[in-house]
Amino acid sequence: MYDLILAFITAFLPCYILIPPIINLAKAKHLYDVPDGKRKIHTEIIPSLGGIAIFTGIVFSVIFWTPFNVLAELQYMLASFIVIALIGIKDDLLPMSPRTKLIGELMAAGILVFKGNVIINSLYGFCGIQEIPYIIAVPLTIFTIIVIINAFNLIDGINGLSGSISLIIAVVLGSWYFLMDKSSFAILAFAVAGATTAFLKYNFTPAKIFMGDTGALLLGLICSILVIKFMEINRLYPNNVYSIKSAPAIAVGILIFPLFDTARVFAMRIWRGRSPFSADRLHIHHLLLDFGFTHLQATSVLAITTLFFIGLAFWLHQIGTFQLLAVIIAIAFLASLCLQKLVERKKQRVLQSIN
């Protein structure tokens, strides 16, 4: 337990201390996130290099507290962190093409899969599938990592949102790893919690800094590691008192907001005959803002919703992977549909009052 507290503190402090000078440097060098009136909804120019502080805090804490002899793959995980952080920094300073960014993400995912032993080996009987052949497990895991990385990047649209969701996921999975006596992954999770807590101090409204692609991509990468290893460790220790059933469905429940929101937005854009990567205001956090919530209120609603789905998933883990997935996705779909209808009705009332 003390290691986790120390991991939290030693990630929190570097991040907390670094952010003010990063803000000053960004202002001096005019390194801002400039509003574009489309995908970006802030109205002021704000530094977007907060991910550098998050990266520093996490890496410092993990290196300081994780025994390399216990987690032999740690060096490869850190290498993937560096790759994804360099991509993020480059994109925050000088936007790169989606293709170039994807190549970098594939490199980071490949390091994790081929050297870091981060791989999905089983679907726990989902659709009748237990063990997954290696030739299928490799592309499936790489695809999963890429999806999670970009899902976190896409939800980073309002103050405090991506950091809050990452904090919740890190604390939940870090606590589970602690109970399973997997201290190395618990330390990684609580290092993420410490760094994101420090960052949120400066990111909640009025935001003084954004995490940028550096922070969002890194948090997505680490959350993908924590979730995939959660599934694997749970499979390897079926008799542990804290082992649970329906691990793939639990993983979806933990990541429900970034995954569902990304899938929902992509599907709506394709349905409307547009590129899935085009800019618009279809994300759930946009709907909450359109309904009248402030950034802080919208972030709070989505954080509470995330906690609800995580609690529901753990509570119903005995019913089976397919059944639990169906429940989670059905509730998410109905909730988002209700929100969309409420926003549409509000807009209609506004238009009627004007006319």
Protein backbone atom coordinates (compact mmCIF):
# COMPACT_ATOMS: atom_id res chain seq x y z
CA MET A 1 0.00 0.00 0.00
CA TYR A 2 2.82 2.41 0.86
CA ASP A 3 4.38 1.85 -2.56
CA LEU A 4 1.14 2.93 -4.21
CA ILE A 5 0.89 6.09 -2.12
CA LEU A 6 4.51 6.91 -2.91
CA ALA A 7 3.96 6.18 -6.61
CA PHE A 8 1.00 8.58 -6.57
CA ILE A 9 2.98 11.32 -4.82
CA THR A 10 6.13 10.98 -6.95
CA ALA A 11 4.02 11.25 -10.11
CA PHE A 12 1.93 14.10 -8.72
CA LEU A 13 4.81 16.35 -7.64
CA PRO A 14 6.87 16.49 -10.87
CA CYS A 15 3.71 17.07 -12.91
CA TYR A 16 2.40 19.73 -10.52
CA ILE A 17 5.76 21.52 -10.40
CA LEU A 18 6.42 21.38 -14.15
CA ILE A 19 3.10 22.73 -15.42
CA PRO A 20 3.55 26.43 -14.41
CA PRO A 21 6.95 26.75 -16.18
CA ILE A 22 5.52 24.89 -19.20
CA ILE A 23 2.68 27.41 -19.31
CA ASN A 24 5.17 30.30 -19.10
CA LEU A 25 7.38 28.77 -21.79
CA ALA A 26 4.40 28.21 -24.08
CA LYS A 27 3.33 31.82 -23.65
CA ALA A 28 6.85 33.10 -24.30
CA LYS A 29 7.24 31.00 -27.46
CA HIS A 30 3.60 31.41 -28.57
CA LEU A 31 2.92 27.66 -28.42
CA TYR A 32 -0.85 27.73 -28.14
CA ASP A 33 -3.87 25.64 -29.04
CA VAL A 34 -5.70 28.11 -31.27
CA PRO A 35 -9.54 27.84 -31.55
CA ASP A 36 -10.74 26.80 -34.99
CA GLY A 37 -14.50 27.07 -34.48
CA LYS A 38 -15.05 23.44 -35.50
CA ARG A 39 -13.58 20.57 -33.50
CA LYS A 40 -12.10 22.87 -30.83
CA ILE A 41 -14.70 24.62 -28.72
CA HIS A 42 -12.59 26.86 -26.50
CA THR A 43 -12.54 30.56 -27.36
CA GLU A 44 -9.13 31.57 -25.98
CA ILE A 45 -5.62 30.56 -26.97
CA ILE A 46 -4.37 28.09 -24.35
CA PRO A 47 -1.07 26.15 -24.09
CA SER A 48 -1.47 22.48 -25.04
CA LEU A 49 1.76 20.97 -23.75
CA GLY A 50 0.44 19.61 -20.45
CA GLY A 51 1.09 16.08 -21.68
CA ILE A 52 4.82 16.67 -21.24
CA ALA A 53 4.32 17.12 -17.50
CA ILE A 54 2.03 14.07 -17.34
CA PHE A 55 4.62 11.98 -19.18
CA THR A 56 7.42 13.15 -16.89
CA GLY A 57 5.48 12.43 -13.71
CA ILE A 58 4.38 8.95 -14.79
CA VAL A 59 7.76 7.83 -16.12
CA PHE A 60 9.68 9.19 -13.13
CA SER A 61 7.37 7.45 -10.67
CA VAL A 62 7.31 4.13 -12.54
CA ILE A 63 11.09 3.99 -12.93
CA PHE A 64 11.64 4.99 -9.30
CA TRP A 65 9.27 2.48 -7.69
CA THR A 66 8.90 -0.48 -10.05
CA PRO A 67 11.49 -3.25 -9.58
CA PHE A 68 12.70 -4.18 -13.06
CA ASN A 69 13.47 -7.73 -11.91
CA VAL A 70 9.77 -8.22 -11.05
CA LEU A 71 8.40 -6.74 -14.29
CA ALA A 72 10.92 -7.68 -16.95
CA GLU A 73 8.79 -6.14 -19.71
CA LEU A 74 8.86 -2.69 -18.09
CA GLN A 75 11.69 -1.45 -20.31
CA TYR A 76 9.62 -2.16 -23.41
CA MET A 77 6.56 -0.46 -21.94
CA LEU A 78 8.67 2.62 -21.21
CA ALA A 79 10.01 2.49 -24.78
CA SER A 80 6.42 2.54 -26.09
CA PHE A 81 5.66 5.50 -23.79
CA ILE A 82 8.57 7.41 -25.32
CA VAL A 83 7.47 6.63 -28.88
CA ILE A 84 3.90 7.79 -28.24
CA ALA A 85 5.05 10.87 -26.31
CA LEU A 86 7.35 11.94 -29.15
CA ILE A 87 4.47 11.58 -31.61
CA GLY A 88 2.25 13.66 -29.35
CA ILE A 89 4.83 16.40 -28.80
CA LYS A 90 5.48 16.64 -32.54
CA ASP A 91 1.74 16.86 -33.26
CA ASP A 92 1.18 19.46 -30.53
CA LEU A 93 3.97 21.67 -31.88
CA LEU A 94 3.49 21.05 -35.60
CA PRO A 95 0.46 18.94 -36.61
CA MET A 96 1.39 15.81 -38.56
CA SER A 97 -0.65 13.79 -41.02
CA PRO A 98 -2.97 11.09 -39.68
CA ARG A 99 -0.96 8.50 -41.61
CA THR A 100 2.32 9.47 -39.95
CA LYS A 101 0.68 9.49 -36.53
CA LEU A 102 -0.81 6.05 -37.17
CA ILE A 103 2.60 4.65 -38.11
CA GLY A 104 3.98 5.89 -34.79
CA GLU A 105 1.05 4.39 -32.90
CA LEU A 106 1.62 1.06 -34.67
CA MET A 107 5.26 1.17 -33.60
CA ALA A 108 4.29 1.72 -29.96
CA ALA A 109 1.66 -1.03 -30.11
CA GLY A 110 4.10 -3.40 -31.81
CA ILE A 111 6.67 -2.88 -29.05
CA LEU A 112 4.04 -3.72 -26.44
CA VAL A 113 2.82 -6.84 -28.25
CA PHE A 114 6.08 -8.35 -29.48
CA LYS A 115 8.38 -7.34 -26.63
CA GLY A 116 6.20 -6.17 -23.73
CA ASN A 117 4.00 -9.28 -23.52
CA VAL A 118 0.84 -7.17 -23.73
CA ILE A 119 -1.45 -9.44 -25.72
CA ILE A 120 -5.06 -10.63 -25.68
CA ASN A 121 -4.87 -14.42 -25.41
CA SER A 122 -8.49 -15.28 -24.62
CA LEU A 123 -12.06 -14.06 -25.11
CA TYR A 124 -13.36 -16.02 -22.10
CA GLY A 125 -15.84 -17.98 -24.21
CA PHE A 126 -17.33 -14.94 -25.96
CA CYS A 127 -18.96 -16.20 -29.17
CA GLY A 128 -17.62 -19.63 -28.21
CA ILE A 129 -13.98 -18.46 -28.33
CA GLN A 130 -11.60 -19.33 -25.50
CA GLU A 131 -7.91 -19.38 -26.42
CA ILE A 132 -6.94 -17.19 -29.38
CA PRO A 133 -4.26 -18.42 -31.82
CA TYR A 134 -1.15 -16.24 -31.75
CA ILE A 135 -1.51 -15.30 -35.41
CA ILE A 136 -4.93 -13.81 -34.61
CA ALA A 137 -4.09 -12.50 -31.14
CA VAL A 138 -1.32 -10.23 -32.47
CA PRO A 139 -3.40 -8.15 -34.95
CA LEU A 140 -6.38 -8.18 -32.58
CA THR A 141 -4.28 -6.74 -29.75
CA ILE A 142 -2.60 -4.13 -31.96
CA PHE A 143 -5.99 -3.07 -33.30
CA THR A 144 -7.39 -2.85 -29.76
CA ILE A 145 -4.48 -0.70 -28.56
CA ILE A 146 -4.81 1.66 -31.54
CA VAL A 147 -8.57 2.00 -30.99
CA ILE A 148 -8.16 2.81 -27.28
CA ILE A 149 -5.35 5.30 -27.91
CA ASN A 150 -7.41 7.25 -30.44
CA ALA A 151 -10.61 6.97 -28.41
CA PHE A 152 -8.92 8.83 -25.55
CA ASN A 153 -7.64 11.43 -27.97
CA LEU A 154 -11.13 11.97 -29.38
CA ILE A 155 -12.82 12.48 -26.00
CA ASP A 156 -10.28 15.13 -25.02
CA GLY A 157 -12.69 17.88 -26.01
CA ILE A 158 -13.69 19.72 -22.83
CA ASN A 159 -11.92 20.79 -19.68
CA GLY A 160 -11.08 17.97 -17.30
CA LEU A 161 -12.79 15.18 -19.23
CA SER A 162 -9.96 12.98 -20.49
CA GLY A 163 -8.01 13.46 -17.26
CA SER A 164 -11.02 12.58 -15.09
CA ILE A 165 -11.86 9.43 -17.05
CA SER A 166 -8.20 8.34 -16.95
CA LEU A 167 -8.06 8.99 -13.21
CA ILE A 168 -11.14 6.83 -12.58
CA ILE A 169 -9.82 3.98 -14.73
CA ALA A 170 -6.39 4.13 -13.10
CA VAL A 171 -7.76 4.04 -9.55
CA VAL A 172 -10.21 1.20 -10.30
CA LEU A 173 -7.67 -1.02 -12.06
CA GLY A 174 -4.85 -0.03 -9.72
CA SER A 175 -6.95 -1.12 -6.75
CA TRP A 176 -7.74 -4.44 -8.46
CA TYR A 177 -4.05 -5.05 -9.22
CA PHE A 178 -3.24 -4.31 -5.58
CA LEU A 179 -5.81 -6.86 -4.41
CA MET A 180 -4.39 -9.39 -6.87
CA ASP A 181 -0.89 -8.71 -5.48
CA LYS A 182 0.38 -7.41 -8.83
CA SER A 183 2.27 -4.44 -7.43
CA SER A 184 4.08 -3.46 -10.65
CA PHE A 185 0.87 -2.73 -12.55
CA ALA A 186 -0.69 -1.19 -9.45
CA ILE A 187 2.26 1.22 -9.28
CA LEU A 188 1.81 2.11 -12.96
CA ALA A 189 -1.90 2.75 -12.41
CA PHE A 190 -1.39 4.94 -9.34
CA ALA A 191 1.40 6.83 -11.10
CA VAL A 192 -1.18 7.69 -13.78
CA ALA A 193 -3.62 8.71 -11.04
CA GLY A 194 -1.04 10.97 -9.42
CA ALA A 195 -0.03 12.71 -12.65
CA THR A 196 -3.61 13.21 -13.85
CA THR A 197 -4.66 14.58 -10.46
CA ALA A 198 -1.90 17.19 -10.65
CA PHE A 199 -2.83 18.05 -14.22
CA LEU A 200 -6.53 18.44 -13.44
CA LYS A 201 -5.66 21.20 -10.96
CA TYR A 202 -4.69 23.32 -13.99
CA ASN A 203 -7.16 21.87 -16.50
CA PHE A 204 -10.51 22.34 -14.79
CA THR A 205 -12.42 25.46 -15.84
CA PRO A 206 -10.98 28.00 -16.31
CA ALA A 207 -8.33 25.84 -17.98
CA LYS A 208 -4.79 27.17 -17.89
CA ILE A 209 -3.37 24.34 -20.01
CA PHE A 210 -4.49 21.38 -22.14
CA MET A 211 -2.87 17.93 -22.16
CA GLY A 212 -2.71 17.96 -25.96
CA ASP A 213 -2.06 14.87 -28.05
CA THR A 214 0.97 14.09 -25.89
CA GLY A 215 -1.17 13.51 -22.82
CA ALA A 216 -4.24 12.03 -24.50
CA LEU A 217 -2.29 9.49 -26.58
CA LEU A 218 -0.12 8.51 -23.62
CA LEU A 219 -3.07 8.02 -21.28
CA GLY A 220 -4.86 5.99 -23.93
CA LEU A 221 -1.80 3.81 -24.41
CA ILE A 222 -1.37 3.18 -20.67
CA CYS A 223 -5.07 2.47 -20.16
CA SER A 224 -4.90 -0.06 -22.99
CA ILE A 225 -2.01 -1.80 -21.19
CA LEU A 226 -3.84 -1.82 -17.87
CA VAL A 227 -7.04 -3.21 -19.39
CA ILE A 228 -5.36 -5.90 -21.52
CA LYS A 229 -3.16 -7.06 -18.64
CA PHE A 230 -6.27 -7.05 -16.43
CA MET A 231 -7.87 -9.58 -18.78
CA GLU A 232 -4.74 -11.72 -18.95
CA ILE A 233 -3.90 -11.75 -15.23
CA ASN A 234 -7.52 -12.51 -14.40
CA ARG A 235 -7.33 -15.51 -16.76
CA LEU A 236 -4.11 -16.81 -15.23
CA TYR A 237 -5.42 -16.75 -11.65
CA PRO A 238 -8.98 -18.11 -11.88
CA ASN A 239 -8.99 -19.33 -8.27
CA ASN A 240 -7.97 -16.03 -6.72
CA VAL A 241 -10.70 -14.61 -4.48
CA TYR A 242 -10.59 -11.36 -6.49
CA SER A 243 -10.68 -13.05 -9.88
CA ILE A 244 -13.84 -12.25 -11.82
CA LYS A 245 -15.84 -13.68 -14.69
CA SER A 246 -16.71 -11.91 -17.95
CA ALA A 247 -13.39 -10.01 -18.02
CA PRO A 248 -13.79 -8.80 -21.65
CA ALA A 249 -17.18 -7.29 -20.76
CA ILE A 250 -15.69 -5.73 -17.61
CA ALA A 251 -12.95 -4.21 -19.78
CA VAL A 252 -15.59 -2.69 -22.08
CA GLY A 253 -17.50 -1.43 -19.05
CA ILE A 254 -14.37 0.28 -17.74
CA LEU A 255 -13.69 1.90 -21.13
CA ILE A 256 -17.32 2.37 -22.09
CA PHE A 257 -17.32 6.14 -22.51
CA PRO A 258 -14.31 6.57 -24.86
CA LEU A 259 -15.11 3.38 -26.81
CA PHE A 260 -18.85 3.91 -27.17
CA ASP A 261 -18.55 7.63 -27.94
CA THR A 262 -15.96 6.98 -30.64
CA ALA A 263 -17.96 4.16 -32.22
CA ARG A 264 -21.15 6.22 -32.06
CA VAL A 265 -19.62 9.30 -33.70
CA PHE A 266 -17.88 7.31 -36.43
CA ALA A 267 -21.11 5.44 -37.23
CA MET A 268 -23.12 8.67 -37.42
CA ARG A 269 -20.59 10.34 -39.71
CA ILE A 270 -20.46 7.34 -42.06
CA TRP A 271 -24.27 7.11 -42.05
CA ARG A 272 -24.40 10.74 -43.15
CA GLY A 273 -21.93 10.08 -45.96
CA ARG A 274 -19.00 11.92 -44.38
CA SER A 275 -15.50 10.96 -43.39
CA PRO A 276 -15.40 9.40 -39.89
CA PHE A 277 -12.55 11.80 -39.10
CA SER A 278 -14.38 14.99 -40.08
CA ALA A 279 -14.92 17.74 -37.51
CA ASP A 280 -18.37 18.27 -35.99
CA ARG A 281 -20.25 18.48 -32.69
CA LEU A 282 -21.56 14.93 -32.41
CA HIS A 283 -19.62 13.77 -29.37
CA ILE A 284 -21.55 13.15 -26.17
CA HIS A 285 -19.72 15.96 -24.40
CA HIS A 286 -20.87 18.30 -27.18
CA LEU A 287 -24.46 17.18 -26.62
CA LEU A 288 -24.16 17.92 -22.91
CA LEU A 289 -22.82 21.41 -23.67
CA ASP A 290 -25.62 22.00 -26.18
CA PHE A 291 -28.12 20.92 -23.54
CA GLY A 292 -26.87 23.70 -21.30
CA PHE A 293 -24.23 22.16 -19.07
CA THR A 294 -20.96 23.92 -18.34
CA HIS A 295 -17.63 22.16 -18.98
CA LEU A 296 -17.35 21.20 -15.32
CA GLN A 297 -20.93 19.94 -15.16
CA ALA A 298 -20.56 17.91 -18.36
CA THR A 299 -17.30 16.39 -17.12
CA SER A 300 -18.93 15.54 -13.78
CA VAL A 301 -21.90 13.86 -15.51
CA LEU A 302 -19.62 11.73 -17.68
CA ALA A 303 -17.35 10.84 -14.75
CA ILE A 304 -20.35 9.73 -12.68
CA THR A 305 -21.68 7.81 -15.68
CA THR A 306 -18.34 6.04 -16.04
CA LEU A 307 -18.44 5.06 -12.36
CA PHE A 308 -21.98 3.77 -12.85
CA PHE A 309 -20.99 1.52 -15.75
CA ILE A 310 -17.91 0.22 -13.93
CA GLY A 311 -19.98 -0.57 -10.84
CA LEU A 312 -22.67 -2.22 -12.97
CA ALA A 313 -20.10 -4.34 -14.82
CA PHE A 314 -18.47 -5.64 -11.64
CA TRP A 315 -21.86 -6.23 -10.02
CA LEU A 316 -23.15 -8.31 -12.94
CA HIS A 317 -19.89 -10.07 -13.85
CA GLN A 318 -21.42 -13.49 -13.07
CA ILE A 319 -24.03 -13.36 -15.84
CA GLY A 320 -21.56 -14.08 -18.65
CA THR A 321 -19.54 -12.08 -21.14
CA PHE A 322 -22.12 -11.90 -23.94
CA GLN A 323 -25.02 -11.05 -21.64
CA LEU A 324 -23.04 -8.39 -19.77
CA LEU A 325 -21.82 -6.80 -22.99
CA ALA A 326 -25.40 -6.67 -24.24
CA VAL A 327 -26.57 -4.95 -21.05
CA ILE A 328 -23.74 -2.40 -21.08
CA ILE A 329 -24.08 -1.50 -24.76
CA ALA A 330 -27.89 -1.37 -24.60
CA ILE A 331 -27.86 1.04 -21.64
CA ALA A 332 -25.18 3.20 -23.29
CA PHE A 333 -27.14 3.32 -26.55
CA LEU A 334 -30.44 4.20 -24.89
CA ALA A 335 -28.85 6.85 -22.66
CA SER A 336 -27.10 8.55 -25.59
CA LEU A 337 -30.28 8.37 -27.69
CA CYS A 338 -32.30 10.02 -24.93
CA LEU A 339 -29.71 12.76 -24.57
CA GLN A 340 -29.69 13.37 -28.32
CA LYS A 341 -33.49 13.63 -28.41
CA LEU A 342 -33.50 16.05 -25.48
CA VAL A 343 -30.94 18.27 -27.20
CA GLU A 344 -32.93 18.22 -30.45
CA ARG A 345 -36.12 19.19 -28.63
CA LYS A 346 -34.35 22.03 -26.86
CA LYS A 347 -33.02 23.36 -30.17
CA GLN A 348 -36.50 23.16 -31.68
CA ARG A 349 -37.96 25.14 -28.75
CA VAL A 350 -35.27 27.78 -29.17
CA LEU A 351 -36.02 28.08 -32.89
CA GLN A 352 -39.75 28.30 -32.23
CA SER A 353 -39.23 31.06 -29.67
CA ILE A 354 -37.14 33.04 -32.16
CA ASN A 355 -39.71 32.67 -34.93
